[in-house]
Structure formats: structure tokens, C-alpha cells
Protein backbone atom coordinates (compact mmCIF):
# COMPACT_ATOMS: atom_id res chain seq x y z
CA MET A 1 29.93 -7.01 -27.16
CA ARG A 2 31.91 -4.74 -29.47
CA ASN A 3 34.65 -2.16 -29.13
CA ASN A 4 33.59 1.10 -30.73
CA GLY A 5 36.60 3.39 -30.49
CA ASN A 6 37.34 3.84 -26.78
CA ARG A 7 33.81 2.88 -25.72
CA LEU A 8 32.89 -0.66 -24.76
CA ARG A 9 29.31 -1.50 -25.64
CA TYR A 10 26.94 -4.42 -25.35
CA ASP A 11 25.14 -5.55 -28.44
CA ALA A 12 21.93 -6.77 -26.79
CA ARG A 13 21.03 -8.75 -29.93
CA THR A 14 24.24 -10.79 -29.79
CA TYR A 15 25.06 -10.74 -26.08
CA PRO A 16 21.79 -10.70 -24.11
CA TYR A 17 23.69 -10.97 -20.78
CA PRO A 18 27.00 -9.52 -19.54
CA THR A 19 29.82 -11.86 -20.56
CA TRP A 20 31.38 -11.92 -17.10
CA GLY A 21 28.30 -13.55 -15.58
CA ALA A 22 25.76 -12.54 -12.98
CA ALA A 23 28.21 -12.09 -10.11
CA LEU A 24 28.61 -8.35 -10.93
CA ALA A 25 25.56 -6.10 -10.84
CA VAL A 26 24.67 -4.45 -14.13
CA THR A 27 24.88 -0.67 -13.92
CA LEU A 28 22.78 2.09 -15.41
CA ALA A 29 25.73 3.09 -17.62
CA GLU A 30 25.92 -0.42 -19.08
CA VAL A 31 22.25 -0.38 -20.00
CA ALA A 32 22.77 3.06 -21.58
CA ALA A 33 25.75 1.78 -23.59
CA ALA A 34 23.77 -1.20 -24.84
CA CYS A 35 20.96 1.09 -25.97
CA ASN A 36 23.28 3.80 -27.34
CA VAL A 37 21.58 6.47 -25.23
CA SER A 38 22.67 8.58 -22.29
CA THR A 39 22.47 7.34 -18.69
CA SER A 40 20.03 10.16 -17.90
CA THR A 41 17.67 8.87 -20.60
CA VAL A 42 17.81 5.36 -19.11
CA SER A 43 17.20 6.78 -15.63
CA ARG A 44 14.14 8.70 -16.81
CA ALA A 45 12.80 5.70 -18.73
CA LEU A 46 12.96 3.50 -15.63
CA THR A 47 11.92 5.98 -12.95
CA ASP A 48 9.75 8.56 -14.75
CA PRO A 49 8.69 6.81 -17.97
CA GLU A 50 6.23 9.48 -19.11
CA LYS A 51 9.19 11.73 -19.92
CA VAL A 52 10.63 9.32 -22.54
CA ASN A 53 9.00 8.51 -25.87
CA ALA A 54 7.33 5.12 -26.03
CA GLU A 55 9.67 3.50 -28.57
CA THR A 56 12.83 4.46 -26.68
CA ARG A 57 11.29 3.52 -23.34
CA THR A 58 10.24 0.08 -24.61
CA ARG A 59 13.73 -0.59 -25.98
CA ILE A 60 15.40 0.47 -22.72
CA GLU A 61 13.06 -1.69 -20.63
CA ARG A 62 13.69 -4.70 -22.89
CA VAL A 63 17.48 -4.33 -22.78
CA ALA A 64 17.42 -3.75 -19.03
CA ARG A 65 15.55 -7.04 -18.59
CA GLN A 66 17.92 -8.88 -20.93
CA LEU A 67 20.97 -7.61 -19.07
CA GLY A 68 19.44 -8.42 -15.68
CA TYR A 69 19.53 -4.82 -14.52
CA ALA A 70 18.09 -4.23 -11.04
CA PRO A 71 17.91 -0.59 -9.90
CA SER A 72 19.63 0.02 -6.56
CA ARG A 73 17.43 1.02 -3.65
CA ALA A 74 19.87 3.80 -2.74
CA GLY A 75 19.82 5.11 -6.28
CA ARG A 76 16.04 5.20 -6.42
CA SER A 77 16.03 7.01 -3.09
CA LEU A 78 18.27 9.76 -4.45
CA VAL A 79 16.03 10.23 -7.48
CA SER A 80 12.60 9.88 -5.85
CA GLY A 81 13.24 10.91 -2.27
CA ARG A 82 11.73 7.58 -1.19
CA THR A 83 13.56 4.65 0.40
CA ASP A 84 11.01 1.91 -0.35
CA THR A 85 11.59 0.86 3.25
CA VAL A 86 9.30 0.81 6.30
CA GLY A 87 10.35 0.69 9.94
CA LEU A 88 8.88 -1.62 12.58
CA VAL A 89 9.35 -0.99 16.31
CA VAL A 90 8.41 -3.81 18.73
CA PRO A 91 8.70 -4.01 22.54
CA ASP A 92 10.32 -7.46 22.70
CA ILE A 93 11.25 -9.71 19.79
CA ALA A 94 11.57 -12.64 22.22
CA ASN A 95 7.92 -12.39 23.27
CA PRO A 96 6.07 -15.06 21.21
CA PHE A 97 3.26 -12.60 20.44
CA PHE A 98 5.49 -10.48 18.17
CA PRO A 99 7.27 -12.90 15.75
CA PRO A 100 4.04 -13.61 13.80
CA ILE A 101 3.49 -9.85 13.49
CA ILE A 102 7.09 -9.34 12.32
CA LYS A 103 6.81 -12.16 9.76
CA SER A 104 3.53 -10.86 8.35
CA VAL A 105 4.85 -7.29 8.13
CA GLN A 106 7.89 -8.54 6.22
CA ALA A 107 5.81 -10.76 3.92
CA ARG A 108 3.27 -8.06 3.03
CA ALA A 109 5.97 -5.42 2.60
CA ARG A 110 7.96 -7.75 0.33
CA ASP A 111 4.85 -8.31 -1.79
CA LYS A 112 4.64 -4.53 -2.18
CA ARG A 113 8.39 -4.26 -2.98
CA TYR A 114 9.30 -2.67 0.34
CA ALA A 115 12.09 -3.62 2.73
CA VAL A 116 11.64 -3.61 6.53
CA LEU A 117 13.96 -2.28 9.25
CA ILE A 118 13.20 -3.65 12.73
CA ALA A 119 14.01 -2.13 16.12
CA ASP A 120 13.44 -3.75 19.54
CA THR A 121 12.92 -1.52 22.60
CA ASP A 122 13.54 -4.45 24.98
CA GLU A 123 10.48 -3.32 26.98
CA HIS A 124 12.11 0.07 27.71
CA VAL A 125 9.28 2.54 27.22
CA ALA A 126 11.67 5.50 27.32
CA ASP A 127 13.41 4.19 24.18
CA GLU A 128 10.28 3.99 21.99
CA LEU A 129 10.29 7.53 20.63
CA GLU A 130 14.08 7.69 20.32
CA LEU A 131 14.14 4.51 18.23
CA ALA A 132 11.15 5.65 16.17
CA ARG A 133 12.75 9.00 15.35
CA GLY A 134 16.07 7.33 14.57
CA LEU A 135 14.40 4.93 12.15
CA SER A 136 12.35 7.70 10.56
CA ARG A 137 15.48 9.10 8.89
CA GLN A 138 15.96 5.79 7.03
CA VAL A 139 12.40 4.81 6.09
CA ASP A 140 9.30 6.16 4.36
CA GLY A 141 6.99 5.34 7.29
CA LEU A 142 6.78 3.53 10.62
CA ILE A 143 4.75 0.79 12.30
CA LEU A 144 4.84 0.86 16.11
CA ALA A 145 3.63 -2.32 17.84
CA SER A 146 2.10 -2.08 21.32
CA PRO A 147 3.74 1.24 22.28
CA ARG A 148 3.33 2.42 25.88
CA THR A 149 4.39 6.03 25.31
CA ALA A 150 1.93 8.71 26.47
CA PRO A 151 -0.92 9.40 23.99
CA ALA A 152 0.05 13.05 23.41
CA GLU A 153 3.59 12.03 22.41
CA LEU A 154 2.29 9.42 19.97
CA THR A 155 -0.13 11.90 18.44
CA ARG A 156 2.74 14.35 17.99
CA LEU A 157 4.82 11.64 16.32
CA ALA A 158 1.96 10.88 13.92
CA GLN A 159 1.86 14.55 12.94
CA GLN A 160 5.54 14.46 12.01
CA LEU A 161 5.70 11.36 9.78
CA PRO A 162 3.55 8.55 8.34
CA VAL A 163 2.95 6.05 11.14
CA VAL A 164 0.54 3.23 11.97
CA PHE A 165 0.06 1.85 15.48
CA VAL A 166 -0.54 -1.83 16.18
CA ASN A 167 -2.40 -2.86 19.32
CA ARG A 168 -2.83 0.80 20.30
CA GLU A 169 -5.46 3.32 19.28
CA VAL A 170 -4.06 6.84 18.89
CA GLU A 171 -6.10 9.93 18.10
CA GLY A 172 -5.41 11.29 14.64
CA ALA A 173 -3.40 8.25 13.51
CA GLY A 174 -3.98 4.97 11.70
CA SER A 175 -4.31 1.96 13.99
CA VAL A 176 -4.86 -1.79 13.88
CA VAL A 177 -6.30 -3.00 17.16
CA ILE A 178 -7.79 -6.07 18.79
CA ASP A 179 -11.46 -6.14 19.78
CA GLU A 180 -11.04 -7.83 23.15
CA ASN A 181 -14.75 -8.11 23.95
CA GLU A 182 -15.76 -11.28 22.11
CA GLY A 183 -12.85 -13.44 23.27
CA LEU A 184 -13.12 -12.38 26.90
CA GLN A 185 -16.90 -12.80 26.87
CA GLU A 186 -16.38 -16.36 25.64
CA ALA A 187 -13.73 -16.95 28.33
CA VAL A 188 -16.01 -15.82 31.15
CA GLU A 189 -18.96 -17.82 29.82
CA HIS A 190 -16.71 -20.89 29.57
CA LEU A 191 -15.61 -20.55 33.20
CA VAL A 192 -19.19 -19.93 34.36
CA SER A 193 -20.29 -23.11 32.55
CA LEU A 194 -17.66 -24.97 34.61
CA GLY A 195 -19.13 -23.61 37.86
CA HIS A 196 -16.71 -20.73 38.58
CA ARG A 197 -18.28 -17.69 40.25
CA ARG A 198 -15.08 -15.76 41.03
CA ILE A 199 -12.32 -14.90 38.55
CA THR A 200 -8.98 -13.21 39.10
CA TYR A 201 -7.42 -11.07 36.38
CA LEU A 202 -3.62 -11.14 36.36
CA SER A 203 -3.06 -7.70 34.90
CA GLY A 204 -0.30 -6.65 32.52
CA PRO A 205 2.04 -3.65 32.50
CA ARG A 206 0.62 -0.55 34.15
CA ARG A 207 1.13 1.69 31.08
CA SER A 208 -0.10 -0.88 28.56
CA TRP A 209 -3.06 0.31 26.47
CA SER A 210 -4.11 -3.27 25.67
CA ASN A 211 -4.06 -4.13 29.38
CA GLN A 212 -6.65 -1.42 30.03
CA GLN A 213 -8.77 -2.68 27.13
CA ARG A 214 -8.65 -6.23 28.49
CA ARG A 215 -9.45 -5.12 32.01
CA ASP A 216 -12.50 -3.16 30.81
CA ALA A 217 -13.75 -5.96 28.55
CA LEU A 218 -13.33 -8.53 31.32
CA ALA A 219 -15.14 -6.34 33.85
CA ALA A 220 -18.07 -5.96 31.43
CA ALA A 221 -18.21 -9.71 30.78
CA CYS A 222 -18.13 -10.52 34.51
CA THR A 223 -20.90 -8.02 35.23
CA ALA A 224 -23.04 -9.49 32.45
CA ASN A 225 -22.58 -12.99 33.89
CA ASP A 226 -22.93 -12.02 37.58
CA VAL A 227 -19.35 -13.09 38.35
CA GLU A 228 -17.09 -11.54 40.99
CA LEU A 229 -13.90 -10.13 39.46
CA ARG A 230 -10.69 -9.68 41.42
CA GLU A 231 -7.33 -8.39 40.19
CA LEU A 232 -3.68 -9.02 40.94
CA GLY A 233 -0.73 -7.20 39.44
CA PRO A 234 0.55 -5.44 37.47
CA PHE A 235 2.90 -8.02 35.96
CA GLU A 236 5.36 -7.78 33.09
CA PRO A 237 4.66 -10.16 30.16
CA GLN A 238 7.23 -12.73 31.28
CA ILE A 239 7.10 -16.31 32.56
CA GLN A 240 9.01 -15.29 35.69
CA ALA A 241 6.34 -12.69 36.46
CA GLY A 242 3.71 -15.42 36.07
CA MET A 243 5.49 -17.54 38.67
CA ARG A 244 5.33 -14.62 41.09
CA ALA A 245 1.63 -14.18 40.23
CA ALA A 246 1.02 -17.86 41.06
CA ASP A 247 2.24 -17.35 44.62
CA LEU A 248 -0.30 -14.56 45.09
CA LEU A 249 -3.04 -16.50 43.31
CA GLN A 250 -2.58 -19.59 45.45
CA SER A 251 -3.16 -17.61 48.64
CA SER A 252 -6.42 -16.12 47.30
CA GLU A 253 -9.84 -17.74 47.41
CA VAL A 254 -10.25 -18.01 43.66
CA ALA A 255 -9.95 -21.11 41.46
CA ALA A 256 -10.00 -19.40 38.05
CA ALA A 257 -7.56 -16.89 36.56
CA ILE A 258 -7.34 -15.04 33.25
CA ALA A 259 -3.85 -13.70 32.57
CA TYR A 260 -2.90 -10.64 30.53
CA ASP A 261 -1.00 -12.88 28.12
CA ASP A 262 0.19 -16.45 27.57
CA LEU A 263 3.62 -15.88 29.12
CA ILE A 264 2.14 -14.89 32.47
CA ALA A 265 -0.34 -17.79 32.28
CA LEU A 266 2.45 -20.28 31.51
CA GLY A 267 4.47 -18.98 34.44
CA VAL A 268 1.44 -19.49 36.69
CA MET A 269 0.98 -23.06 35.46
CA SER A 270 4.65 -23.89 35.92
CA ARG A 271 4.73 -22.60 39.50
CA LEU A 272 1.46 -24.25 40.54
CA THR A 273 2.55 -27.59 39.05
CA GLU A 274 5.85 -27.26 40.91
CA ARG A 275 3.81 -26.88 44.12
CA GLY A 276 1.81 -30.02 43.43
CA MET A 277 -1.42 -28.46 42.17
CA GLN A 278 -3.28 -29.95 39.20
CA VAL A 279 -3.99 -27.20 36.68
CA GLY A 280 -7.29 -27.88 34.96
CA HIS A 281 -8.62 -29.73 38.02
CA GLU A 282 -7.85 -27.75 41.17
CA ILE A 283 -7.51 -24.43 39.36
CA SER A 284 -8.33 -23.10 35.88
CA VAL A 285 -5.97 -20.82 33.95
CA ILE A 286 -6.64 -18.92 30.70
CA GLY A 287 -4.07 -16.95 28.70
CA ILE A 288 -4.40 -14.39 25.92
CA ASP A 289 -2.61 -14.52 22.51
CA ASP A 290 -2.88 -18.25 21.67
CA SER A 291 0.88 -18.24 21.02
CA PRO A 292 2.70 -21.40 19.83
CA LEU A 293 3.85 -21.99 23.42
CA SER A 294 0.24 -22.57 24.51
CA THR A 295 0.27 -26.04 22.90
CA VAL A 296 3.65 -27.29 24.15
CA THR A 297 2.86 -27.32 27.87
CA HIS A 298 0.98 -29.95 29.87
CA PRO A 299 -1.88 -29.50 30.14
CA MET A 300 -2.17 -27.37 27.04
CA LEU A 301 -3.20 -23.80 27.76
CA THR A 302 -6.72 -22.57 27.13
CA SER A 303 -6.14 -19.20 25.47
CA ILE A 304 -7.88 -16.36 23.64
CA HIS A 305 -6.73 -16.34 20.03
CA VAL A 306 -5.39 -13.00 18.80
CA PRO A 307 -4.89 -12.77 14.99
CA ALA A 308 -1.30 -11.54 15.19
CA ALA A 309 -0.45 -12.23 11.54
CA GLU A 310 -3.47 -10.19 10.39
CA LEU A 311 -2.33 -7.33 12.64
CA GLY A 312 0.94 -7.10 10.73
CA SER A 313 -0.43 -7.30 7.19
CA ALA A 314 -3.24 -4.83 7.93
CA ALA A 315 -0.71 -2.37 9.40
CA VAL A 316 1.40 -2.49 6.22
CA ASP A 317 -1.68 -1.90 4.06
CA LEU A 318 -2.71 1.13 6.14
CA LEU A 319 0.80 2.58 6.05
CA LEU A 320 1.19 2.19 2.30
CA ASP A 321 -2.23 3.80 1.80
CA GLN A 322 -0.92 6.78 3.79
CA LEU A 323 2.22 6.96 1.68
CA ARG A 324 0.21 6.90 -1.56
CA ASP A 325 -2.25 9.55 -0.35
CA PRO A 326 -1.16 11.63 2.68
CA ASP A 327 -4.58 13.34 2.70
CA LEU A 328 -6.46 10.14 3.54
CA PRO A 329 -8.22 10.40 6.92
CA PRO A 330 -6.78 8.07 9.59
CA GLN A 331 -8.43 4.66 9.78
CA THR A 332 -8.78 2.16 12.62
CA VAL A 333 -9.03 -1.53 11.75
CA LYS A 334 -10.45 -3.83 14.45
CA LEU A 335 -9.79 -7.57 14.48
CA GLU A 336 -11.82 -10.08 16.47
CA THR A 337 -10.70 -12.59 19.11
CA ARG A 338 -12.03 -16.03 20.06
CA LEU A 339 -11.51 -18.57 22.82
CA VAL A 340 -9.54 -21.76 22.15
CA ILE A 341 -10.39 -24.34 24.83
CA ARG A 342 -7.68 -26.78 25.92
CA GLY A 343 -6.77 -28.63 29.09
CA SER A 344 -5.91 -25.86 31.56
CA THR A 345 -9.56 -25.17 32.43
CA GLY A 346 -11.91 -27.51 34.26
CA VAL A 347 -14.85 -27.86 36.60
CA ALA A 348 -14.59 -25.63 39.67
CA PRO A 349 -13.75 -27.47 42.91
CA THR A 350 -16.83 -27.89 45.09
CA SER A 351 -15.56 -25.43 47.71
CA PHE A 352 -15.33 -22.63 45.07
CA LYS A 353 -18.77 -23.05 43.49
């Protein structure tokens, strides 16, 4: 470093790093001083390199690396109009279905040099659009997981900003959804092989799009296998709701149940065990999601595996494609499900065959 009149400069050949250490962030002005060029030239070289001649640009990039310069996200936003940030709105962070999605969104976004802002609606449907619009002022695009807002409102949102929907198909918008058919077909065939001829579906939230998809896929699978399908609900995706469902299930004449998700199924198992019933022997229970909780109960829960991590990474890819080319037609990515058999299903009691 040398003092040239009243200006303090770095000599990058002699002092490749700031002498006061890495605790203070290197600024654009310091890179400019080290290169003996203006700050505007450094800014152009790093953000719009085609506007700076190759020799100067190469020297600026080399010095910036030597000094450890990292452009601020806020500064880039002012120059480019982009935040390099995406927003993610989920219904309930505490629901074990969503953490794998959140982690995969963050991991894929980080790989693409994007940050992620997360908002939780706490299962309040009325807050979905308000949170989405609030986030939209701070991000380049949005990912909405399992929204329950009316289709017309979601379509309108997609017309206003780049958005991808997870676990919800929306007309005119990019979506990553679960193909429920294969997993539920396997679940019904598994129960039929155990002698069950009647199945109860413990349905999810009334306004849930995925609940309707699961109901339709289950009805088709039961029809194909000549099985009687009954339904109880709706129930919120909570263990407590599953315990309430168990009381209704126990008074019915059915010994096999498929729940909207693992939380409801686990609540059913807990309540039935509390009442002295042997799950997997006297009654069979299947969940959907194959969440980590499905393997920590006794017996372990038979569940339909949903590729939650793939949902998140695919959503980021779709959103970034939109940001790169707004004229791309909306795409829908479908991911398959499969049954994971554990101890909560068993041979139907003789009286139910």
C-alpha cells in the first residue's frame, strides 16, 4: 500500500490483500484505487463486462479476486434491478412434509447463487396471497407450496410476477406436482392382498388441491380392485386430528384406513393403541408422505413415499428458467409416488374379509 498525495492506494503486486485483514469487507472504491481506475469502470467490469475492454476487465477481475472483493447483493440489485433472491411460502414449517422441500429449495438456490426468503402461513389460507405479495417486493420470483387459495386468485398472481406452485396445478403457471395414482394403486393392491375388501379414506383439508387428487386416485384404484371405499373427514394435517379420526374409525365396520398424510395416520395409531387395539393386526393404517416420523413409531407406519426433496429442487429450476426467459410457456413437472410397506398393515381380521 502506498500514499500517493492525499489518495491511499493498494499496490496489488505488493499487498495482495487489505492490510487490516478480512474482518472488513473490501469495497468497490478500494478495488478501483488498486487498479487506478474509476469506481464506475470497476462496476461495469464486474456487472456488465462487455462494456469494458478485455485487458482492463481482466486486470480488474484479478485484483478483485486478490483483494477478496465480494459484490453486495443490495448493490447488485440497484444496478441490475434483480435481488438474486427467491421467496418460498409454506403452509406449516412444523409439518414434517415441508422441511425436506425447504432444504432442497435452499440447496438448489444456493447452487445457483440465489438466497431464499421463507414465509409460513401457519395454515391460514387467508394469509397466503398477502404473504406472497409482501415477499414479491423483496424477491425476483416466488415458490408457493401447497396453496389452498382459489384457482382464479392464483392464476391472477401468476400473471403479476414469476411464480411456481408446488403440490398444486394452476392454469397458466409453472407447477411441480405429485402423481398420486401409482402410490395409491400400490396401497390398495397391498391391502387387497391382505384380505381387505373395505377401505376408509381419512380425508384432508376441504380446500386442499392434493386432497382432491388423492381422493380421486384412491376411488379409481378401489374401483379397479372391486373394493368398497368409505370416507371420513375432512381433517387438518395434525396428529390431534388423527386421534379424533380414530374415534370415528373405530366405530365403523372397516379394518383398513388410508390417511391424507402421515400426521393424521400417526394420530390414528396413537389413539387406537391407547384404546388397546393392535395396529397391524386388528386394523391396518397407511399414511402418505413417508416422512421421518413414519419410522419412529411402533409399529412403523406403512406409507406412500412422496419425493419431497425433488419437489423443491424442480421448483427452483422451473422458477429460474422463468426468470431467464419470461416468454417460456408454463411447464408442469410430475413426480411419481410408491408404497413403502412397514408394520402398520396386516392380514384383515376374519370378520372383515
